[in-house]
C-alpha atoms as a PDB file:
ATOM      1  CA  MET A   1     122.687 -45.637 -20.635  1.00  0.00           C
ATOM      2  CA  LYS A   2     119.776 -47.007 -21.654  1.00  0.00           C
ATOM      3  CA  TRP A   3     116.462 -44.407 -20.933  1.00  0.00           C
ATOM      4  CA  LYS A   4     113.681 -46.557 -18.580  1.00  0.00           C
ATOM      5  CA  ASN A   5     109.958 -46.185 -19.606  1.00  0.00           C
ATOM      6  CA  ASN A   6     108.366 -46.219 -16.239  1.00  0.00           C
ATOM      7  CA  PHE A   7     104.746 -45.301 -17.495  1.00  0.00           C
ATOM      8  CA  SER A   8     103.966 -48.877 -17.358  1.00  0.00           C
ATOM      9  CA  VAL A   9     103.694 -48.358 -13.783  1.00  0.00           C
ATOM     10  CA  GLN A  10     102.467 -44.921 -13.039  1.00  0.00           C
ATOM     11  CA  SER A  11      99.763 -44.046 -15.854  1.00  0.00           C
ATOM     12  CA  ASP A  12      97.420 -47.062 -15.156  1.00  0.00           C
ATOM     13  CA  TRP A  13      93.404 -45.134 -14.644  1.00  0.00           C
ATOM     14  CA  THR A  14      94.458 -45.573 -10.382  1.00  0.00           C
ATOM     15  CA  ASP A  15      90.221 -44.583  -9.215  1.00  0.00           C
ATOM     16  CA  VAL A  16      87.512 -46.489  -9.587  1.00  0.00           C
ATOM     17  CA  ILE A  17      85.534 -46.016 -12.849  1.00  0.00           C
ATOM     18  CA  VAL A  18      81.695 -45.333 -12.122  1.00  0.00           C
ATOM     19  CA  ASN A  19      79.461 -47.228 -14.663  1.00  0.00           C
ATOM     20  CA  ARG A  20      82.581 -48.918 -15.923  1.00  0.00           C
ATOM     21  CA  GLU A  21      80.522 -51.803 -18.374  1.00  0.00           C
ATOM     22  CA  ALA A  22      79.019 -48.662 -20.017  1.00  0.00           C
ATOM     23  CA  LYS A  23      81.807 -46.558 -20.938  1.00  0.00           C
ATOM     24  CA  GLU A  24      83.210 -49.451 -21.889  1.00  0.00           C
ATOM     25  CA  ALA A  25      80.750 -49.853 -24.437  1.00  0.00           C
ATOM     26  CA  ILE A  26      80.744 -46.425 -25.697  1.00  0.00           C
ATOM     27  CA  ALA A  27      84.686 -46.380 -25.535  1.00  0.00           C
ATOM     28  CA  ARG A  28      85.123 -50.078 -28.559  1.00  0.00           C
ATOM     29  CA  LYS A  29      81.794 -47.904 -30.300  1.00  0.00           C
ATOM     30  CA  LEU A  30      84.150 -44.715 -30.169  1.00  0.00           C
ATOM     31  CA  ALA A  31      87.143 -45.913 -31.143  1.00  0.00           C
ATOM     32  CA  GLU A  32      85.612 -48.211 -33.754  1.00  0.00           C
ATOM     33  CA  ARG A  33      84.951 -44.383 -35.813  1.00  0.00           C
ATOM     34  CA  ALA A  34      88.898 -44.506 -36.202  1.00  0.00           C
ATOM     35  CA  LYS A  35      90.635 -44.193 -39.984  1.00  0.00           C
ATOM     36  CA  GLU A  36      93.512 -45.004 -41.238  1.00  0.00           C
ATOM     37  CA  GLY A  37      95.889 -42.438 -41.205  1.00  0.00           C
ATOM     38  CA  GLU A  38      93.330 -40.071 -39.028  1.00  0.00           C
ATOM     39  CA  THR A  39      94.736 -38.081 -36.334  1.00  0.00           C
ATOM     40  CA  ILE A  40      92.160 -37.363 -33.231  1.00  0.00           C
ATOM     41  CA  GLY A  41      92.099 -35.242 -30.018  1.00  0.00           C
ATOM     42  CA  ALA A  42      91.536 -37.118 -26.603  1.00  0.00           C
ATOM     43  CA  GLY A  43      90.362 -35.127 -23.437  1.00  0.00           C
ATOM     44  CA  SER A  44      90.582 -36.249 -20.835  1.00  0.00           C
ATOM     45  CA  GLY A  45      88.821 -39.001 -17.665  1.00  0.00           C
ATOM     46  CA  SER A  46      87.718 -42.253 -17.625  1.00  0.00           C
ATOM     47  CA  THR A  47      85.877 -42.850 -20.428  1.00  0.00           C
ATOM     48  CA  VAL A  48      88.955 -40.756 -22.666  1.00  0.00           C
ATOM     49  CA  TYR A  49      91.165 -43.373 -20.898  1.00  0.00           C
ATOM     50  CA  LEU A  50      88.828 -46.670 -21.730  1.00  0.00           C
ATOM     51  CA  THR A  51      88.550 -45.030 -25.481  1.00  0.00           C
ATOM     52  CA  LEU A  52      92.418 -45.059 -25.736  1.00  0.00           C
ATOM     53  CA  GLY A  53      92.858 -48.310 -24.977  1.00  0.00           C
ATOM     54  CA  ALA A  54      89.803 -49.523 -27.165  1.00  0.00           C
ATOM     55  CA  LEU A  55      92.333 -47.470 -29.784  1.00  0.00           C
ATOM     56  CA  ALA A  56      95.359 -49.274 -28.540  1.00  0.00           C
ATOM     57  CA  GLU A  57      93.527 -52.576 -29.035  1.00  0.00           C
ATOM     58  CA  ARG A  58      92.877 -52.158 -32.917  1.00  0.00           C
ATOM     59  CA  ILE A  59      96.545 -50.883 -33.408  1.00  0.00           C
ATOM     60  CA  ARG A  60      97.402 -53.687 -32.199  1.00  0.00           C
ATOM     61  CA  LYS A  61      94.999 -55.682 -33.406  1.00  0.00           C
ATOM     62  CA  GLU A  62      94.570 -54.610 -37.411  1.00  0.00           C
ATOM     63  CA  ASN A  63      97.990 -52.624 -38.018  1.00  0.00           C
ATOM     64  CA  LEU A  64      95.916 -49.023 -37.773  1.00  0.00           C
ATOM     65  CA  HIS A  65      97.516 -46.179 -37.796  1.00  0.00           C
ATOM     66  CA  ILE A  66      96.574 -42.665 -36.407  1.00  0.00           C
ATOM     67  CA  THR A  67      97.821 -40.153 -34.393  1.00  0.00           C
ATOM     68  CA  VAL A  68      96.675 -38.730 -31.512  1.00  0.00           C
ATOM     69  CA  ILE A  69      96.859 -35.084 -29.938  1.00  0.00           C
ATOM     70  CA  PRO A  70      96.306 -34.712 -25.827  1.00  0.00           C
ATOM     71  CA  ALA A  71      94.396 -32.685 -23.876  1.00  0.00           C
ATOM     72  CA  SER A  72      96.181 -33.687 -20.737  1.00  0.00           C
ATOM     73  CA  PHE A  73      99.043 -35.166 -19.273  1.00  0.00           C
ATOM     74  CA  GLU A  74      96.564 -37.571 -18.023  1.00  0.00           C
ATOM     75  CA  SER A  75      95.817 -38.534 -21.499  1.00  0.00           C
ATOM     76  CA  THR A  76      99.724 -38.581 -22.633  1.00  0.00           C
ATOM     77  CA  MET A  77     100.686 -41.357 -20.420  1.00  0.00           C
ATOM     78  CA  ALA A  78      98.190 -43.407 -21.092  1.00  0.00           C
ATOM     79  CA  CYS A  79      99.092 -43.042 -24.843  1.00  0.00           C
ATOM     80  CA  LEU A  80     102.539 -43.424 -24.206  1.00  0.00           C
ATOM     81  CA  ARG A  81     101.119 -46.571 -21.770  1.00  0.00           C
ATOM     82  CA  PHE A  82      99.405 -48.086 -24.234  1.00  0.00           C
ATOM     83  CA  GLY A  83     101.614 -47.724 -27.271  1.00  0.00           C
ATOM     84  CA  ILE A  84     100.284 -44.483 -29.248  1.00  0.00           C
ATOM     85  CA  PRO A  85     102.014 -43.268 -31.466  1.00  0.00           C
ATOM     86  CA  LEU A  86     101.722 -38.996 -30.492  1.00  0.00           C
ATOM     87  CA  THR A  87     101.832 -35.733 -32.236  1.00  0.00           C
ATOM     88  CA  THR A  88     100.082 -31.848 -31.849  1.00  0.00           C
ATOM     89  CA  LEU A  89      98.440 -29.788 -32.777  1.00  0.00           C
ATOM     90  CA  TRP A  90     101.856 -27.787 -34.311  1.00  0.00           C
ATOM     91  CA  GLU A  91     102.018 -30.900 -36.625  1.00  0.00           C
ATOM     92  CA  LYS A  92      98.211 -31.213 -37.578  1.00  0.00           C
ATOM     93  CA  ARG A  93      94.463 -30.472 -36.703  1.00  0.00           C
ATOM     94  CA  PRO A  94      92.407 -33.388 -35.191  1.00  0.00           C
ATOM     95  CA  ASP A  95      89.726 -34.815 -37.658  1.00  0.00           C
ATOM     96  CA  TRP A  96      87.990 -35.578 -34.152  1.00  0.00           C
ATOM     97  CA  THR A  97      88.032 -35.397 -30.886  1.00  0.00           C
ATOM     98  CA  PHE A  98      86.807 -37.069 -27.608  1.00  0.00           C
ATOM     99  CA  ASP A  99      85.973 -35.520 -24.262  1.00  0.00           C
ATOM    100  CA  GLY A 100      83.748 -35.878 -21.834  1.00  0.00           C
ATOM    101  CA  ALA A 101      82.138 -32.829 -19.736  1.00  0.00           C
ATOM    102  CA  ASP A 102      80.401 -32.047 -16.255  1.00  0.00           C
ATOM    103  CA  GLU A 103      77.054 -30.527 -17.226  1.00  0.00           C
ATOM    104  CA  VAL A 104      75.120 -30.687 -20.284  1.00  0.00           C
ATOM    105  CA  ASP A 105      72.369 -27.946 -21.286  1.00  0.00           C
ATOM    106  CA  PRO A 106      68.797 -28.542 -23.153  1.00  0.00           C
ATOM    107  CA  GLU A 107      71.231 -26.744 -25.819  1.00  0.00           C
ATOM    108  CA  ARG A 108      74.185 -28.582 -25.690  1.00  0.00           C
ATOM    109  CA  ASN A 109      76.519 -26.181 -23.701  1.00  0.00           C
ATOM    110  CA  LEU A 110      78.814 -27.381 -21.607  1.00  0.00           C
ATOM    111  CA  LEU A 111      79.959 -26.922 -18.308  1.00  0.00           C
ATOM    112  CA  LYS A 112      84.002 -28.299 -18.045  1.00  0.00           C
ATOM    113  CA  GLY A 113      87.011 -27.834 -16.100  1.00  0.00           C
ATOM    114  CA  ARG A 114      86.802 -30.141 -13.276  1.00  0.00           C
ATOM    115  CA  GLY A 115      90.267 -31.902 -14.157  1.00  0.00           C
ATOM    116  CA  GLY A 116      91.762 -28.943 -14.896  1.00  0.00           C
ATOM    117  CA  ALA A 117      92.663 -29.474 -18.208  1.00  0.00           C
ATOM    118  CA  LEU A 118      89.694 -26.362 -19.730  1.00  0.00           C
ATOM    119  CA  PHE A 119      92.332 -24.507 -21.384  1.00  0.00           C
ATOM    120  CA  GLN A 120      93.827 -27.304 -24.183  1.00  0.00           C
ATOM    121  CA  GLU A 121      90.577 -28.863 -23.973  1.00  0.00           C
ATOM    122  CA  LYS A 122      88.727 -26.454 -25.037  1.00  0.00           C
ATOM    123  CA  LEU A 123      91.922 -25.692 -27.787  1.00  0.00           C
ATOM    124  CA  LEU A 124      91.568 -28.925 -29.111  1.00  0.00           C
ATOM    125  CA  ILE A 125      87.798 -28.976 -29.626  1.00  0.00           C
ATOM    126  CA  ARG A 126      88.170 -25.225 -31.668  1.00  0.00           C
ATOM    127  CA  SER A 127      90.688 -26.895 -33.779  1.00  0.00           C
ATOM    128  CA  SER A 128      88.804 -30.270 -34.406  1.00  0.00           C
ATOM    129  CA  LYS A 129      86.645 -30.946 -37.694  1.00  0.00           C
ATOM    130  CA  GLU A 130      83.975 -33.370 -35.330  1.00  0.00           C
ATOM    131  CA  VAL A 131      83.536 -33.149 -31.979  1.00  0.00           C
ATOM    132  CA  TYR A 132      81.502 -35.950 -30.004  1.00  0.00           C
ATOM    133  CA  ILE A 133      80.822 -35.110 -26.043  1.00  0.00           C
ATOM    134  CA  VAL A 134      80.626 -38.565 -23.639  1.00  0.00           C
ATOM    135  CA  VAL A 135      78.235 -38.606 -20.685  1.00  0.00           C
ATOM    136  CA  ASP A 136      76.372 -40.034 -18.398  1.00  0.00           C
ATOM    137  CA  GLU A 137      72.759 -39.267 -17.348  1.00  0.00           C
ATOM    138  CA  SER A 138      73.855 -37.520 -14.075  1.00  0.00           C
ATOM    139  CA  LYS A 139      75.868 -34.382 -16.236  1.00  0.00           C
ATOM    140  CA  PHE A 140      72.368 -33.629 -18.388  1.00  0.00           C
ATOM    141  CA  VAL A 141      70.873 -30.308 -16.404  1.00  0.00           C
ATOM    142  CA  SER A 142      68.262 -27.435 -17.229  1.00  0.00           C
ATOM    143  CA  ARG A 143      70.650 -24.849 -16.746  1.00  0.00           C
ATOM    144  CA  LEU A 144      75.087 -25.008 -16.366  1.00  0.00           C
ATOM    145  CA  GLY A 145      76.064 -24.529 -13.130  1.00  0.00           C
ATOM    146  CA  THR A 146      73.751 -26.125 -11.285  1.00  0.00           C
ATOM    147  CA  ASN A 147      76.454 -28.747  -9.725  1.00  0.00           C
ATOM    148  CA  PHE A 148      79.798 -27.346  -9.752  1.00  0.00           C
ATOM    149  CA  PRO A 149      80.520 -24.039 -10.657  1.00  0.00           C
ATOM    150  CA  VAL A 150      82.598 -22.426 -13.043  1.00  0.00           C
ATOM    151  CA  PRO A 151      86.425 -22.936 -13.460  1.00  0.00           C
ATOM    152  CA  VAL A 152      88.680 -19.863 -14.851  1.00  0.00           C
ATOM    153  CA  GLU A 153      92.138 -20.190 -15.391  1.00  0.00           C
ATOM    154  CA  LEU A 154      94.239 -17.036 -14.935  1.00  0.00           C
ATOM    155  CA  PHE A 155      97.090 -16.146 -15.182  1.00  0.00           C
ATOM    156  CA  PRO A 156      99.078 -16.300 -11.217  1.00  0.00           C
ATOM    157  CA  GLY A 157     100.532 -12.644 -11.630  1.00  0.00           C
ATOM    158  CA  ALA A 158      96.974 -11.205 -12.653  1.00  0.00           C
ATOM    159  CA  LEU A 159      94.681 -13.330  -9.769  1.00  0.00           C
ATOM    160  CA  ALA A 160      93.826  -9.729  -7.856  1.00  0.00           C
ATOM    161  CA  TYR A 161      92.634  -8.110 -10.648  1.00  0.00           C
ATOM    162  CA  VAL A 162      91.242 -11.320 -12.429  1.00  0.00           C
ATOM    163  CA  GLU A 163      89.130 -11.835  -8.775  1.00  0.00           C
ATOM    164  CA  ASN A 164      87.770  -8.293  -9.250  1.00  0.00           C
ATOM    165  CA  CYS A 165      86.589  -7.818 -12.665  1.00  0.00           C
ATOM    166  CA  ILE A 166      84.868 -11.463 -11.839  1.00  0.00           C
ATOM    167  CA  TRP A 167      82.667 -10.117  -8.967  1.00  0.00           C
ATOM    168  CA  GLU A 168      81.604  -7.333 -11.246  1.00  0.00           C
ATOM    169  CA  LEU A 169      80.414  -9.522 -14.121  1.00  0.00           C
ATOM    170  CA  GLY A 170      78.052 -10.900 -11.043  1.00  0.00           C
ATOM    171  CA  ALA A 171      79.740 -13.737  -9.334  1.00  0.00           C
ATOM    172  CA  THR A 172      77.948 -14.554  -6.042  1.00  0.00           C
ATOM    173  CA  GLU A 173      80.916 -16.926  -5.154  1.00  0.00           C
ATOM    174  CA  VAL A 174      84.869 -16.705  -6.162  1.00  0.00           C
ATOM    175  CA  THR A 175      87.067 -19.060  -5.173  1.00  0.00           C
ATOM    176  CA  LEU A 176      90.926 -19.808  -5.445  1.00  0.00           C
ATOM    177  CA  ARG A 177      90.380 -24.670  -6.377  1.00  0.00           C
ATOM    178  CA  PRO A 178      93.142 -25.346  -3.683  1.00  0.00           C
ATOM    179  CA  ALA A 179      95.187 -28.480  -4.429  1.00  0.00           C
ATOM    180  CA  LYS A 180      95.171 -32.422  -3.097  1.00  0.00           C
ATOM    181  CA  GLY A 181      97.770 -33.767  -1.908  1.00  0.00           C
ATOM    182  CA  LYS A 182      99.971 -30.617  -1.793  1.00  0.00           C
ATOM    183  CA  ASP A 183     100.018 -27.684  -0.427  1.00  0.00           C
ATOM    184  CA  GLY A 184      98.482 -24.472  -1.378  1.00  0.00           C
ATOM    185  CA  PRO A 185      96.572 -23.683  -4.894  1.00  0.00           C
ATOM    186  CA  VAL A 186      95.564 -26.411  -8.232  1.00  0.00           C
ATOM    187  CA  ILE A 187      98.509 -25.478 -10.487  1.00  0.00           C
ATOM    188  CA  THR A 188      97.121 -26.417 -13.998  1.00  0.00           C
ATOM    189  CA  GLU A 189      99.111 -27.906 -16.814  1.00  0.00           C
ATOM    190  CA  ASN A 190     100.054 -23.787 -17.831  1.00  0.00           C
ATOM    191  CA  GLY A 191     101.287 -23.050 -14.343  1.00  0.00           C
ATOM    192  CA  ASN A 192      98.131 -21.307 -14.193  1.00  0.00           C
ATOM    193  CA  LEU A 193      95.734 -20.893 -11.108  1.00  0.00           C
ATOM    194  CA  ILE A 194      92.241 -21.672 -10.930  1.00  0.00           C
ATOM    195  CA  LEU A 195      89.548 -19.753 -10.197  1.00  0.00           C
ATOM    196  CA  ASP A 196      85.918 -21.776  -9.508  1.00  0.00           C
ATOM    197  CA  VAL A 197      83.023 -19.326  -9.744  1.00  0.00           C
ATOM    198  CA  ARG A 198      79.057 -19.571  -8.788  1.00  0.00           C
ATOM    199  CA  PHE A 199      76.870 -17.062 -11.273  1.00  0.00           C
ATOM    200  CA  GLU A 200      73.064 -16.764 -10.112  1.00  0.00           C
ATOM    201  CA  GLN A 201      72.346 -16.936 -14.134  1.00  0.00           C
ATOM    202  CA  LEU A 202      74.599 -17.532 -16.726  1.00  0.00           C
ATOM    203  CA  SER A 203      74.080 -15.401 -20.160  1.00  0.00           C
ATOM    204  CA  ALA A 204      74.514 -16.393 -22.921  1.00  0.00           C
ATOM    205  CA  ASP A 205      77.604 -13.765 -23.563  1.00  0.00           C
ATOM    206  CA  LEU A 206      79.287 -14.465 -20.129  1.00  0.00           C
ATOM    207  CA  GLU A 207      81.805 -16.811 -21.890  1.00  0.00           C
ATOM    208  CA  ARG A 208      83.072 -14.076 -23.894  1.00  0.00           C
ATOM    209  CA  LYS A 209      82.609 -11.124 -21.082  1.00  0.00           C
ATOM    210  CA  ILE A 210      85.231 -14.123 -18.624  1.00  0.00           C
ATOM    211  CA  LYS A 211      87.638 -14.490 -21.903  1.00  0.00           C
ATOM    212  CA  ALA A 212      88.088 -10.661 -22.281  1.00  0.00           C
ATOM    213  CA  VAL A 213      89.682 -10.036 -19.386  1.00  0.00           C
ATOM    214  CA  THR A 214      92.914  -9.273 -19.051  1.00  0.00           C
ATOM    215  CA  GLY A 215      94.735 -12.535 -17.113  1.00  0.00           C
ATOM    216  CA  VAL A 216      92.281 -14.947 -18.093  1.00  0.00           C
ATOM    217  CA  ILE A 217      93.574 -17.472 -20.251  1.00  0.00           C
ATOM    218  CA  GLU A 218      89.671 -19.838 -20.547  1.00  0.00           C
ATOM    219  CA  SER A 219      86.998 -20.945 -18.588  1.00  0.00           C
ATOM    220  CA  GLY A 220      85.264 -23.542 -18.186  1.00  0.00           C
ATOM    221  CA  LEU A 221      82.280 -22.509 -20.698  1.00  0.00           C
ATOM    222  CA  PHE A 222      81.500 -24.209 -23.620  1.00  0.00           C
ATOM    223  CA  MET A 223      78.501 -22.285 -25.123  1.00  0.00           C
ATOM    224  CA  GLY A 224      77.363 -22.395 -28.631  1.00  0.00           C
ATOM    225  CA  TYR A 225      79.451 -24.998 -29.915  1.00  0.00           C
ATOM    226  CA  CYS A 226      78.966 -27.462 -32.604  1.00  0.00           C
ATOM    227  CA  LEU A 227      79.328 -30.563 -31.287  1.00  0.00           C
ATOM    228  CA  LYS A 228      78.088 -34.334 -30.827  1.00  0.00           C
ATOM    229  CA  ILE A 229      76.972 -35.349 -27.510  1.00  0.00           C
ATOM    230  CA  MET A 230      76.816 -39.470 -26.951  1.00  0.00           C
ATOM    231  CA  SER A 231      74.968 -40.354 -23.891  1.00  0.00           C
ATOM    232  CA  LEU A 232      75.779 -43.409 -21.816  1.00  0.00           C
ATOM    233  CA  ASN A 233      72.240 -44.037 -20.768  1.00  0.00           C
ATOM    234  CA  ARG A 234      70.172 -42.954 -23.893  1.00  0.00           C
END
């Protein structure tokens, strides 16, 4: 039986892309960085989607040979739709990775995870030789946690324990992230749950303290990483 691939129907970007013209311009700029034989990490979000489209155009027009390591099902399906060859961290290390962020502070610390792929995105960023974070002006804040809570991905069986430990770390609000389009909570691509946590202050060692809690898979804090910020508006 011939296998029918429906990704061309299912994986197009389904929502309105805000600031699309600027995002397309920076997507082309990112795609121009790709060199023959490189392995590139791809995060999640609309700018990532547009960049994958720009990379696919170079592959078609220039016979460019690259491979991509996606951080989410969303990016995986986009690569399949665009005909971009895929690989994994088991096989290759990314030469560079591109991604977005929900908040960026003056020290280039990030808050990420609204899309729910924080663990795989952090793994890609940690594994990459260079990292480019693409954001618009609205993502720059004076302190992390200004507009969004800190996402914490956790093993489902550890929910009660992790929640109590998070309160002990000084949380002011802890909420189990609800799903949209289904009953119950969000289930990550790794089969885990997400807590959205508010803190009065985010100390420099908070990322490490959250990660040290047994049952926590990852947090959406990216503090002290070596990143290059690319702004759509600057």
